[in-house]
Amino acid sequence: MKKEFIDFLNTKETPVPKELENHIYINIEKDLSPTKPLNLLLKFAALNLSAGVFTLAICPQFGLGPALGGHDITHYFMSIGTWACAIFCATFYFAIAQTLSLIILSNQEIRWIARNRYSVLPGLVIASFIALSMLGNSLSSDGHKMVFEPEFQAIWILAGIIVTQVLFNLVSFRFRGISKVALR
């Protein structure tokens, strides 16, 4: 082992290729440069909106959707009760939205959101709720009164907050390998 170390010390330096050096510097600069919060929030909201529109094509929420007509699986949850329908709708909506966002966002963007997750994610849920409520209230028929009841709305918001937090933590920390220590 000592001979290997001495051989290592006696070797001539090999210059790093300029391309590799530039690539490393660019990656370091990108990792160290601060994320522009407004741009990231708009990107995150747009990704969630895109996924949300997809879910509305399948599952009715706030009197909107589905594209193919009918209520399919939601009839089962509606028969259980308002609370079950609210939990299913919010879970479906935010599970798809968060999954899409976490697939597309970079680790740096996810780290920024993770640092601010207790304000960003509930804010996203509230903004989604307001947008869906306003749109649904103006476009829906009388057959969707349940979704405008305070019980449905409160449970939908609470389920949305829980689902976004759990999914975000699970995906970003477990599957994307972002260390919680890196958030400090």
N, C-alpha and C. Protein backbone atom coordinates (compact mmCIF):
# COMPACT_ATOMS: atom_id res chain seq x y z
N MET A 1 0.82 -1.18 0.00
CA MET A 1 0.00 0.00 0.00
C MET A 1 0.88 1.26 0.00
N LYS A 2 1.98 1.23 0.74
CA LYS A 2 2.88 2.37 0.79
C LYS A 2 3.48 2.63 -0.60
N LYS A 3 3.82 1.56 -1.31
CA LYS A 3 4.38 1.70 -2.66
C LYS A 3 3.36 2.35 -3.60
N GLU A 4 2.10 1.97 -3.47
CA GLU A 4 1.05 2.56 -4.32
C GLU A 4 0.92 4.05 -4.05
N PHE A 5 1.01 4.43 -2.79
CA PHE A 5 0.91 5.84 -2.43
C PHE A 5 2.09 6.62 -3.00
N ILE A 6 3.28 6.07 -2.90
CA ILE A 6 4.48 6.73 -3.44
C ILE A 6 4.37 6.85 -4.96
N ASP A 7 3.87 5.79 -5.61
CA ASP A 7 3.66 5.84 -7.06
C ASP A 7 2.66 6.94 -7.42
N PHE A 8 1.63 7.06 -6.61
CA PHE A 8 0.62 8.10 -6.83
C PHE A 8 1.25 9.48 -6.74
N LEU A 9 2.08 9.69 -5.72
CA LEU A 9 2.74 10.99 -5.54
C LEU A 9 3.71 11.31 -6.67
N ASN A 10 4.29 10.29 -7.28
CA ASN A 10 5.27 10.50 -8.35
C ASN A 10 4.66 10.63 -9.74
N THR A 11 3.37 10.43 -9.85
CA THR A 11 2.75 10.54 -11.18
C THR A 11 2.66 12.00 -11.60
N LYS A 12 2.71 12.22 -12.90
CA LYS A 12 2.60 13.57 -13.44
C LYS A 12 1.14 13.99 -13.47
N GLU A 13 0.91 15.26 -13.26
CA GLU A 13 -0.46 15.79 -13.32
C GLU A 13 -0.97 15.72 -14.75
N THR A 14 -2.23 15.33 -14.87
CA THR A 14 -2.88 15.31 -16.17
C THR A 14 -3.91 16.43 -16.18
N PRO A 15 -3.83 17.32 -17.13
CA PRO A 15 -4.81 18.42 -17.13
C PRO A 15 -6.23 17.90 -17.40
N VAL A 16 -7.18 18.53 -16.74
CA VAL A 16 -8.59 18.19 -16.93
C VAL A 16 -9.04 18.78 -18.26
N PRO A 17 -9.73 18.00 -19.08
CA PRO A 17 -10.21 18.55 -20.36
C PRO A 17 -11.08 19.78 -20.12
N LYS A 18 -10.90 20.78 -20.96
CA LYS A 18 -11.63 22.05 -20.81
C LYS A 18 -13.14 21.84 -20.82
N GLU A 19 -13.62 20.94 -21.66
CA GLU A 19 -15.06 20.65 -21.73
C GLU A 19 -15.59 20.17 -20.39
N LEU A 20 -14.89 19.24 -19.78
CA LEU A 20 -15.30 18.70 -18.49
C LEU A 20 -15.24 19.77 -17.41
N GLU A 21 -14.21 20.57 -17.42
CA GLU A 21 -14.08 21.65 -16.45
C GLU A 21 -15.24 22.64 -16.57
N ASN A 22 -15.56 23.03 -17.81
CA ASN A 22 -16.69 23.94 -18.03
C ASN A 22 -18.00 23.32 -17.56
N HIS A 23 -18.19 22.05 -17.87
CA HIS A 23 -19.42 21.35 -17.47
C HIS A 23 -19.55 21.33 -15.93
N ILE A 24 -18.46 21.07 -15.26
CA ILE A 24 -18.49 21.05 -13.79
C ILE A 24 -18.80 22.43 -13.24
N TYR A 25 -18.16 23.47 -13.79
CA TYR A 25 -18.42 24.84 -13.33
C TYR A 25 -19.88 25.25 -13.56
N ILE A 26 -20.42 24.89 -14.69
CA ILE A 26 -21.81 25.22 -15.00
C ILE A 26 -22.75 24.54 -14.00
N ASN A 27 -22.50 23.26 -13.72
CA ASN A 27 -23.35 22.54 -12.76
C ASN A 27 -23.23 23.11 -11.36
N ILE A 28 -22.04 23.47 -10.95
CA ILE A 28 -21.85 24.06 -9.62
C ILE A 28 -22.55 25.41 -9.53
N GLU A 29 -22.39 26.22 -10.56
CA GLU A 29 -23.04 27.53 -10.58
C GLU A 29 -24.57 27.38 -10.54
N LYS A 30 -25.08 26.42 -11.30
CA LYS A 30 -26.53 26.18 -11.32
C LYS A 30 -27.02 25.72 -9.95
N ASP A 31 -26.25 24.85 -9.30
CA ASP A 31 -26.64 24.37 -7.97
C ASP A 31 -26.55 25.45 -6.90
N LEU A 32 -25.61 26.36 -7.05
CA LEU A 32 -25.42 27.39 -6.04
C LEU A 32 -26.24 28.64 -6.29
N SER A 33 -26.68 28.85 -7.53
CA SER A 33 -27.44 30.06 -7.82
C SER A 33 -28.84 29.94 -7.21
N PRO A 34 -29.30 31.02 -6.63
CA PRO A 34 -30.61 30.97 -5.99
C PRO A 34 -31.73 30.81 -7.02
N THR A 35 -32.72 30.06 -6.63
CA THR A 35 -33.89 29.87 -7.48
C THR A 35 -34.75 31.13 -7.39
N LYS A 36 -35.24 31.57 -8.53
CA LYS A 36 -36.13 32.73 -8.52
C LYS A 36 -37.51 32.24 -8.06
N PRO A 37 -37.90 32.62 -6.86
CA PRO A 37 -39.14 32.07 -6.27
C PRO A 37 -40.39 32.28 -7.13
N LEU A 38 -40.56 33.46 -7.67
CA LEU A 38 -41.77 33.72 -8.45
C LEU A 38 -41.84 32.82 -9.68
N ASN A 39 -40.72 32.70 -10.39
CA ASN A 39 -40.69 31.84 -11.58
C ASN A 39 -40.98 30.38 -11.21
N LEU A 40 -40.38 29.93 -10.12
CA LEU A 40 -40.60 28.55 -9.68
C LEU A 40 -42.05 28.33 -9.25
N LEU A 41 -42.61 29.27 -8.51
CA LEU A 41 -44.00 29.14 -8.08
C LEU A 41 -44.95 29.11 -9.28
N LEU A 42 -44.67 29.93 -10.27
CA LEU A 42 -45.50 29.92 -11.48
C LEU A 42 -45.37 28.59 -12.23
N LYS A 43 -44.16 28.09 -12.32
CA LYS A 43 -43.93 26.79 -12.98
C LYS A 43 -44.63 25.68 -12.21
N PHE A 44 -44.50 25.68 -10.89
CA PHE A 44 -45.12 24.67 -10.04
C PHE A 44 -46.65 24.74 -10.16
N ALA A 45 -47.20 25.95 -10.16
CA ALA A 45 -48.65 26.12 -10.30
C ALA A 45 -49.12 25.66 -11.68
N ALA A 46 -48.34 25.98 -12.72
CA ALA A 46 -48.72 25.56 -14.08
C ALA A 46 -48.71 24.04 -14.22
N LEU A 47 -47.73 23.39 -13.62
CA LEU A 47 -47.69 21.93 -13.66
C LEU A 47 -48.88 21.33 -12.92
N ASN A 48 -49.20 21.91 -11.77
CA ASN A 48 -50.36 21.42 -11.01
C ASN A 48 -51.66 21.69 -11.75
N LEU A 49 -51.75 22.83 -12.41
CA LEU A 49 -52.94 23.16 -13.19
C LEU A 49 -53.10 22.18 -14.35
N SER A 50 -52.01 21.88 -15.03
CA SER A 50 -52.06 20.94 -16.16
C SER A 50 -52.56 19.57 -15.71
N ALA A 51 -52.01 19.09 -14.62
CA ALA A 51 -52.44 17.80 -14.09
C ALA A 51 -53.87 17.89 -13.59
N GLY A 52 -54.22 19.02 -13.01
CA GLY A 52 -55.59 19.21 -12.53
C GLY A 52 -56.61 19.16 -13.65
N VAL A 53 -56.29 19.76 -14.77
CA VAL A 53 -57.20 19.72 -15.93
C VAL A 53 -57.37 18.28 -16.40
N PHE A 54 -56.28 17.52 -16.39
CA PHE A 54 -56.36 16.11 -16.75
C PHE A 54 -57.30 15.36 -15.80
N THR A 55 -57.18 15.61 -14.50
CA THR A 55 -58.04 14.89 -13.55
C THR A 55 -59.51 15.27 -13.74
N LEU A 56 -59.75 16.51 -14.11
CA LEU A 56 -61.14 16.94 -14.32
C LEU A 56 -61.75 16.28 -15.56
N ALA A 57 -60.92 15.83 -16.47
CA ALA A 57 -61.43 15.12 -17.64
C ALA A 57 -61.93 13.73 -17.25
N ILE A 58 -61.49 13.23 -16.11
CA ILE A 58 -61.86 11.89 -15.67
C ILE A 58 -62.83 11.92 -14.49
N CYS A 59 -62.57 12.81 -13.55
CA CYS A 59 -63.30 12.83 -12.28
C CYS A 59 -63.95 14.20 -12.06
N PRO A 60 -65.24 14.24 -11.82
CA PRO A 60 -65.90 15.54 -11.61
C PRO A 60 -65.51 16.13 -10.25
N GLN A 61 -65.20 17.41 -10.24
CA GLN A 61 -64.93 18.13 -9.00
C GLN A 61 -65.49 19.53 -9.12
N PHE A 62 -66.18 19.95 -8.11
CA PHE A 62 -66.77 21.27 -8.06
C PHE A 62 -67.67 21.54 -9.26
N GLY A 63 -68.33 20.50 -9.73
CA GLY A 63 -69.26 20.64 -10.84
C GLY A 63 -68.60 20.64 -12.20
N LEU A 64 -67.30 20.41 -12.24
CA LEU A 64 -66.56 20.40 -13.51
C LEU A 64 -66.20 18.97 -13.87
N GLY A 65 -66.28 18.63 -15.16
CA GLY A 65 -65.88 17.30 -15.63
C GLY A 65 -66.96 16.29 -15.35
N PRO A 66 -66.79 15.06 -15.69
CA PRO A 66 -65.72 14.55 -16.53
C PRO A 66 -66.04 14.75 -18.01
N ALA A 67 -65.04 14.61 -18.82
CA ALA A 67 -65.17 14.85 -20.26
C ALA A 67 -66.09 13.82 -20.91
N LEU A 68 -66.06 12.61 -20.40
CA LEU A 68 -66.84 11.54 -21.02
C LEU A 68 -68.27 11.46 -20.48
N GLY A 69 -68.62 12.34 -19.56
CA GLY A 69 -69.96 12.34 -18.98
C GLY A 69 -70.08 11.29 -17.89
N GLY A 70 -71.12 11.43 -17.09
CA GLY A 70 -71.34 10.48 -16.01
C GLY A 70 -70.40 10.75 -14.85
N HIS A 71 -70.52 9.91 -13.83
CA HIS A 71 -69.69 10.10 -12.64
C HIS A 71 -68.87 8.85 -12.31
N ASP A 72 -69.09 7.77 -13.03
CA ASP A 72 -68.32 6.54 -12.87
C ASP A 72 -68.02 6.20 -11.42
N ILE A 73 -66.76 6.15 -11.05
CA ILE A 73 -66.35 5.69 -9.72
C ILE A 73 -66.78 6.64 -8.61
N THR A 74 -66.98 7.91 -8.92
CA THR A 74 -67.35 8.85 -7.87
C THR A 74 -68.73 8.56 -7.29
N HIS A 75 -69.59 7.88 -8.03
CA HIS A 75 -70.89 7.48 -7.47
C HIS A 75 -70.70 6.61 -6.24
N TYR A 76 -69.70 5.74 -6.29
CA TYR A 76 -69.42 4.87 -5.15
C TYR A 76 -69.07 5.71 -3.92
N PHE A 77 -68.20 6.70 -4.10
CA PHE A 77 -67.79 7.53 -2.97
C PHE A 77 -68.92 8.44 -2.52
N MET A 78 -69.72 8.92 -3.46
CA MET A 78 -70.86 9.77 -3.09
C MET A 78 -71.87 8.98 -2.26
N SER A 79 -72.03 7.70 -2.57
CA SER A 79 -72.98 6.89 -1.80
C SER A 79 -72.50 6.66 -0.36
N ILE A 80 -71.20 6.70 -0.13
CA ILE A 80 -70.67 6.56 1.23
C ILE A 80 -70.95 7.84 2.02
N GLY A 81 -70.75 8.96 1.38
CA GLY A 81 -71.00 10.23 2.05
C GLY A 81 -70.19 11.36 1.45
N THR A 82 -70.55 12.55 1.83
CA THR A 82 -69.87 13.75 1.34
C THR A 82 -68.39 13.70 1.68
N TRP A 83 -68.06 13.27 2.88
CA TRP A 83 -66.66 13.23 3.33
C TRP A 83 -65.83 12.30 2.45
N ALA A 84 -66.38 11.12 2.08
CA ALA A 84 -65.63 10.16 1.26
C ALA A 84 -65.38 10.72 -0.13
N CYS A 85 -66.38 11.37 -0.67
CA CYS A 85 -66.24 11.96 -2.01
C CYS A 85 -65.19 13.08 -1.98
N ALA A 86 -65.22 13.90 -0.94
CA ALA A 86 -64.25 15.00 -0.83
C ALA A 86 -62.83 14.47 -0.70
N ILE A 87 -62.65 13.43 0.11
CA ILE A 87 -61.32 12.84 0.28
C ILE A 87 -60.83 12.23 -1.03
N PHE A 88 -61.70 11.47 -1.70
CA PHE A 88 -61.30 10.85 -2.97
C PHE A 88 -60.95 11.91 -4.01
N CYS A 89 -61.81 12.92 -4.15
CA CYS A 89 -61.58 13.95 -5.17
C CYS A 89 -60.27 14.70 -4.92
N ALA A 90 -60.04 15.13 -3.69
CA ALA A 90 -58.81 15.87 -3.38
C ALA A 90 -57.59 14.98 -3.55
N THR A 91 -57.69 13.74 -3.10
CA THR A 91 -56.55 12.83 -3.20
C THR A 91 -56.21 12.57 -4.66
N PHE A 92 -57.21 12.29 -5.47
CA PHE A 92 -56.99 12.03 -6.89
C PHE A 92 -56.38 13.26 -7.57
N TYR A 93 -56.97 14.40 -7.33
CA TYR A 93 -56.51 15.65 -7.95
C TYR A 93 -55.06 15.95 -7.59
N PHE A 94 -54.74 15.95 -6.30
CA PHE A 94 -53.40 16.34 -5.87
C PHE A 94 -52.36 15.24 -6.05
N ALA A 95 -52.77 13.99 -6.04
CA ALA A 95 -51.80 12.91 -6.28
C ALA A 95 -51.27 13.00 -7.71
N ILE A 96 -52.16 13.21 -8.66
CA ILE A 96 -51.73 13.35 -10.06
C ILE A 96 -50.90 14.63 -10.22
N ALA A 97 -51.37 15.73 -9.65
CA ALA A 97 -50.68 17.01 -9.80
C ALA A 97 -49.29 16.98 -9.18
N GLN A 98 -49.17 16.46 -7.97
CA GLN A 98 -47.87 16.40 -7.31
C GLN A 98 -46.92 15.45 -8.02
N THR A 99 -47.43 14.33 -8.46
CA THR A 99 -46.58 13.36 -9.16
C THR A 99 -45.99 13.99 -10.42
N LEU A 100 -46.82 14.64 -11.22
CA LEU A 100 -46.32 15.29 -12.43
C LEU A 100 -45.28 16.36 -12.09
N SER A 101 -45.57 17.17 -11.10
CA SER A 101 -44.64 18.23 -10.72
C SER A 101 -43.31 17.66 -10.26
N LEU A 102 -43.36 16.63 -9.45
CA LEU A 102 -42.12 16.08 -8.91
C LEU A 102 -41.31 15.30 -9.94
N ILE A 103 -41.95 14.87 -11.01
CA ILE A 103 -41.22 14.22 -12.09
C ILE A 103 -40.48 15.27 -12.92
N ILE A 104 -41.10 16.41 -13.14
CA ILE A 104 -40.56 17.42 -14.04
C ILE A 104 -39.59 18.39 -13.35
N LEU A 105 -39.84 18.74 -12.11
CA LEU A 105 -38.99 19.72 -11.43
C LEU A 105 -37.59 19.16 -11.17
N SER A 106 -36.61 20.05 -11.17
CA SER A 106 -35.23 19.64 -10.87
C SER A 106 -35.07 19.47 -9.36
N ASN A 107 -34.00 18.81 -8.96
CA ASN A 107 -33.74 18.64 -7.54
C ASN A 107 -33.58 19.97 -6.83
N GLN A 108 -32.97 20.95 -7.49
CA GLN A 108 -32.81 22.27 -6.89
C GLN A 108 -34.18 22.92 -6.65
N GLU A 109 -35.08 22.80 -7.63
CA GLU A 109 -36.41 23.37 -7.47
C GLU A 109 -37.19 22.66 -6.37
N ILE A 110 -37.04 21.35 -6.32
CA ILE A 110 -37.71 20.58 -5.27
C ILE A 110 -37.16 20.97 -3.90
N ARG A 111 -35.84 21.17 -3.82
CA ARG A 111 -35.24 21.59 -2.55
C ARG A 111 -35.82 22.93 -2.08
N TRP A 112 -36.01 23.87 -3.01
CA TRP A 112 -36.56 25.17 -2.64
C TRP A 112 -37.99 25.00 -2.13
N ILE A 113 -38.78 24.23 -2.84
CA ILE A 113 -40.16 24.01 -2.41
C ILE A 113 -40.16 23.28 -1.06
N ALA A 114 -39.27 22.31 -0.89
CA ALA A 114 -39.21 21.56 0.37
C ALA A 114 -38.87 22.49 1.54
N ARG A 115 -37.99 23.46 1.31
CA ARG A 115 -37.68 24.41 2.37
C ARG A 115 -38.89 25.25 2.76
N ASN A 116 -39.76 25.47 1.79
CA ASN A 116 -40.93 26.33 2.00
C ASN A 116 -42.24 25.56 1.94
N ARG A 117 -42.19 24.24 2.13
CA ARG A 117 -43.36 23.40 1.88
C ARG A 117 -44.55 23.69 2.79
N TYR A 118 -44.30 24.22 3.97
CA TYR A 118 -45.42 24.47 4.88
C TYR A 118 -46.21 25.72 4.51
N SER A 119 -45.69 26.51 3.59
CA SER A 119 -46.47 27.65 3.08
C SER A 119 -46.84 27.44 1.61
N VAL A 120 -45.91 26.88 0.83
CA VAL A 120 -46.15 26.71 -0.61
C VAL A 120 -47.26 25.70 -0.89
N LEU A 121 -47.18 24.53 -0.27
CA LEU A 121 -48.16 23.47 -0.57
C LEU A 121 -49.57 23.81 -0.08
N PRO A 122 -49.76 24.31 1.15
CA PRO A 122 -51.12 24.74 1.52
C PRO A 122 -51.61 25.90 0.64
N GLY A 123 -50.69 26.78 0.26
CA GLY A 123 -51.07 27.87 -0.64
C GLY A 123 -51.56 27.35 -1.98
N LEU A 124 -50.90 26.31 -2.48
CA LEU A 124 -51.32 25.67 -3.73
C LEU A 124 -52.72 25.07 -3.58
N VAL A 125 -52.97 24.41 -2.46
CA VAL A 125 -54.29 23.80 -2.22
C VAL A 125 -55.37 24.87 -2.17
N ILE A 126 -55.11 25.94 -1.44
CA ILE A 126 -56.09 27.03 -1.31
C ILE A 126 -56.33 27.69 -2.67
N ALA A 127 -55.27 27.95 -3.42
CA ALA A 127 -55.43 28.56 -4.75
C ALA A 127 -56.21 27.64 -5.68
N SER A 128 -55.94 26.33 -5.61
CA SER A 128 -56.69 25.37 -6.43
C SER A 128 -58.16 25.36 -6.03
N PHE A 129 -58.40 25.37 -4.73
CA PHE A 129 -59.78 25.38 -4.22
C PHE A 129 -60.53 26.62 -4.72
N ILE A 130 -59.91 27.78 -4.60
CA ILE A 130 -60.57 29.02 -5.03
C ILE A 130 -60.85 28.98 -6.53
N ALA A 131 -59.85 28.57 -7.32
CA ALA A 131 -60.04 28.52 -8.77
C ALA A 131 -61.14 27.53 -9.16
N LEU A 132 -61.11 26.34 -8.58
CA LEU A 132 -62.13 25.34 -8.91
C LEU A 132 -63.51 25.77 -8.44
N SER A 133 -63.59 26.37 -7.27
CA SER A 133 -64.89 26.83 -6.75
C SER A 133 -65.48 27.91 -7.64
N MET A 134 -64.65 28.87 -8.02
CA MET A 134 -65.15 29.96 -8.86
C MET A 134 -65.58 29.44 -10.23
N LEU A 135 -64.74 28.60 -10.81
CA LEU A 135 -65.06 28.06 -12.13
C LEU A 135 -66.27 27.15 -12.07
N GLY A 136 -66.29 26.28 -11.07
CA GLY A 136 -67.41 25.36 -10.92
C GLY A 136 -68.71 26.07 -10.61
N ASN A 137 -68.66 27.13 -9.82
CA ASN A 137 -69.86 27.88 -9.47
C ASN A 137 -70.45 28.56 -10.69
N SER A 138 -69.61 29.01 -11.60
CA SER A 138 -70.11 29.70 -12.78
C SER A 138 -70.53 28.73 -13.90
N LEU A 139 -69.98 27.52 -13.92
CA LEU A 139 -70.26 26.60 -15.03
C LEU A 139 -71.14 25.40 -14.68
N SER A 140 -71.26 25.07 -13.40
CA SER A 140 -71.94 23.82 -13.06
C SER A 140 -73.46 23.98 -13.04
N SER A 141 -74.09 22.83 -13.13
CA SER A 141 -75.56 22.81 -13.06
C SER A 141 -75.99 22.61 -11.61
N ASP A 142 -77.29 22.59 -11.38
CA ASP A 142 -77.81 22.42 -10.02
C ASP A 142 -77.53 21.03 -9.44
N GLY A 143 -77.14 20.08 -10.26
CA GLY A 143 -76.91 18.72 -9.79
C GLY A 143 -75.63 18.55 -8.99
N HIS A 144 -74.87 19.60 -8.82
CA HIS A 144 -73.59 19.49 -8.12
C HIS A 144 -73.57 20.32 -6.84
N LYS A 145 -74.71 20.42 -6.17
CA LYS A 145 -74.80 21.25 -4.97
C LYS A 145 -73.90 20.74 -3.84
N MET A 146 -73.68 19.43 -3.78
CA MET A 146 -72.90 18.86 -2.69
C MET A 146 -71.51 19.47 -2.60
N VAL A 147 -70.89 19.75 -3.73
CA VAL A 147 -69.53 20.25 -3.72
C VAL A 147 -69.41 21.69 -3.22
N PHE A 148 -70.53 22.34 -3.05
CA PHE A 148 -70.50 23.71 -2.53
C PHE A 148 -70.93 23.77 -1.08
N GLU A 149 -71.11 22.60 -0.45
CA GLU A 149 -71.43 22.56 0.98
C GLU A 149 -70.14 22.74 1.78
N PRO A 150 -70.22 23.45 2.91
CA PRO A 150 -69.02 23.69 3.72
C PRO A 150 -68.31 22.40 4.16
N GLU A 151 -69.07 21.33 4.42
CA GLU A 151 -68.45 20.07 4.83
C GLU A 151 -67.54 19.53 3.73
N PHE A 152 -68.05 19.49 2.51
CA PHE A 152 -67.26 19.01 1.38
C PHE A 152 -66.01 19.86 1.20
N GLN A 153 -66.20 21.17 1.22
CA GLN A 153 -65.09 22.08 0.96
C GLN A 153 -64.00 21.98 2.04
N ALA A 154 -64.40 21.93 3.30
CA ALA A 154 -63.42 21.83 4.39
C ALA A 154 -62.64 20.52 4.30
N ILE A 155 -63.33 19.43 4.04
CA ILE A 155 -62.66 18.13 3.95
C ILE A 155 -61.77 18.08 2.71
N TRP A 156 -62.21 18.65 1.61
CA TRP A 156 -61.41 18.68 0.38
C TRP A 156 -60.10 19.43 0.63
N ILE A 157 -60.19 20.59 1.28
CA ILE A 157 -58.99 21.39 1.57
C ILE A 157 -58.06 20.62 2.52
N LEU A 158 -58.61 20.07 3.58
CA LEU A 158 -57.79 19.33 4.54
C LEU A 158 -57.13 18.12 3.88
N ALA A 159 -57.88 17.37 3.10
CA ALA A 159 -57.31 16.21 2.40
C ALA A 159 -56.23 16.66 1.41
N GLY A 160 -56.47 17.77 0.73
CA GLY A 160 -55.48 18.30 -0.21
C GLY A 160 -54.18 18.67 0.48
N ILE A 161 -54.29 19.31 1.63
CA ILE A 161 -53.08 19.70 2.38
C ILE A 161 -52.32 18.46 2.84
N ILE A 162 -53.03 17.48 3.35
CA ILE A 162 -52.37 16.25 3.83
C ILE A 162 -51.72 15.51 2.67
N VAL A 163 -52.45 15.35 1.57
CA VAL A 163 -51.93 14.60 0.42
C VAL A 163 -50.70 15.30 -0.17
N THR A 164 -50.75 16.61 -0.33
CA THR A 164 -49.60 17.30 -0.91
C THR A 164 -48.37 17.17 -0.02
N GLN A 165 -48.56 17.30 1.28
CA GLN A 165 -47.42 17.19 2.21
C GLN A 165 -46.84 15.77 2.19
N VAL A 166 -47.70 14.78 2.28
CA VAL A 166 -47.23 13.38 2.32
C VAL A 166 -46.55 13.00 1.01
N LEU A 167 -47.19 13.28 -0.11
CA LEU A 167 -46.59 12.93 -1.40
C LEU A 167 -45.30 13.69 -1.65
N PHE A 168 -45.30 14.96 -1.35
CA PHE A 168 -44.09 15.75 -1.57
C PHE A 168 -42.94 15.20 -0.74
N ASN A 169 -43.21 14.93 0.53
CA ASN A 169 -42.15 14.38 1.39
C ASN A 169 -41.70 13.01 0.91
N LEU A 170 -42.64 12.15 0.58
CA LEU A 170 -42.31 10.80 0.14
C LEU A 170 -41.46 10.82 -1.12
N VAL A 171 -41.92 11.54 -2.11
CA VAL A 171 -41.22 11.53 -3.40
C VAL A 171 -39.90 12.28 -3.33
N SER A 172 -39.90 13.48 -2.75
CA SER A 172 -38.68 14.26 -2.77
C SER A 172 -37.60 13.68 -1.87
N PHE A 173 -37.96 13.19 -0.71
CA PHE A 173 -36.94 12.70 0.22
C PHE A 173 -36.61 11.23 -0.01
N ARG A 174 -37.59 10.42 -0.37
CA ARG A 174 -37.34 8.99 -0.50
C ARG A 174 -36.86 8.64 -1.90
N PHE A 175 -37.64 9.01 -2.92
CA PHE A 175 -37.33 8.57 -4.27
C PHE A 175 -36.36 9.48 -5.01
N ARG A 176 -36.40 10.77 -4.75
CA ARG A 176 -35.47 11.69 -5.41
C ARG A 176 -34.18 11.82 -4.62
N GLY A 177 -34.15 11.29 -3.41
CA GLY A 177 -32.92 11.25 -2.62
C GLY A 177 -32.45 12.60 -2.11
N ILE A 178 -33.36 13.54 -1.92
CA ILE A 178 -32.98 14.84 -1.39
C ILE A 178 -32.87 14.71 0.13
N SER A 179 -31.71 15.06 0.63
CA SER A 179 -31.45 14.95 2.06
C SER A 179 -32.15 16.05 2.82
N LYS A 180 -32.77 15.70 3.93
CA LYS A 180 -33.41 16.72 4.75
C LYS A 180 -32.38 17.68 5.34
N VAL A 181 -31.15 17.22 5.49
CA VAL A 181 -30.07 18.07 5.98
C VAL A 181 -29.79 19.19 4.99
N ALA A 182 -29.96 18.91 3.69
CA ALA A 182 -29.70 19.92 2.65
C ALA A 182 -30.71 21.07 2.69
N LEU A 183 -31.77 20.92 3.45
CA LEU A 183 -32.79 21.96 3.48
C LEU A 183 -32.48 23.06 4.49
N ARG A 184 -31.46 22.87 5.28
CA ARG A 184 -31.15 23.88 6.30
C ARG A 184 -30.31 24.99 5.75
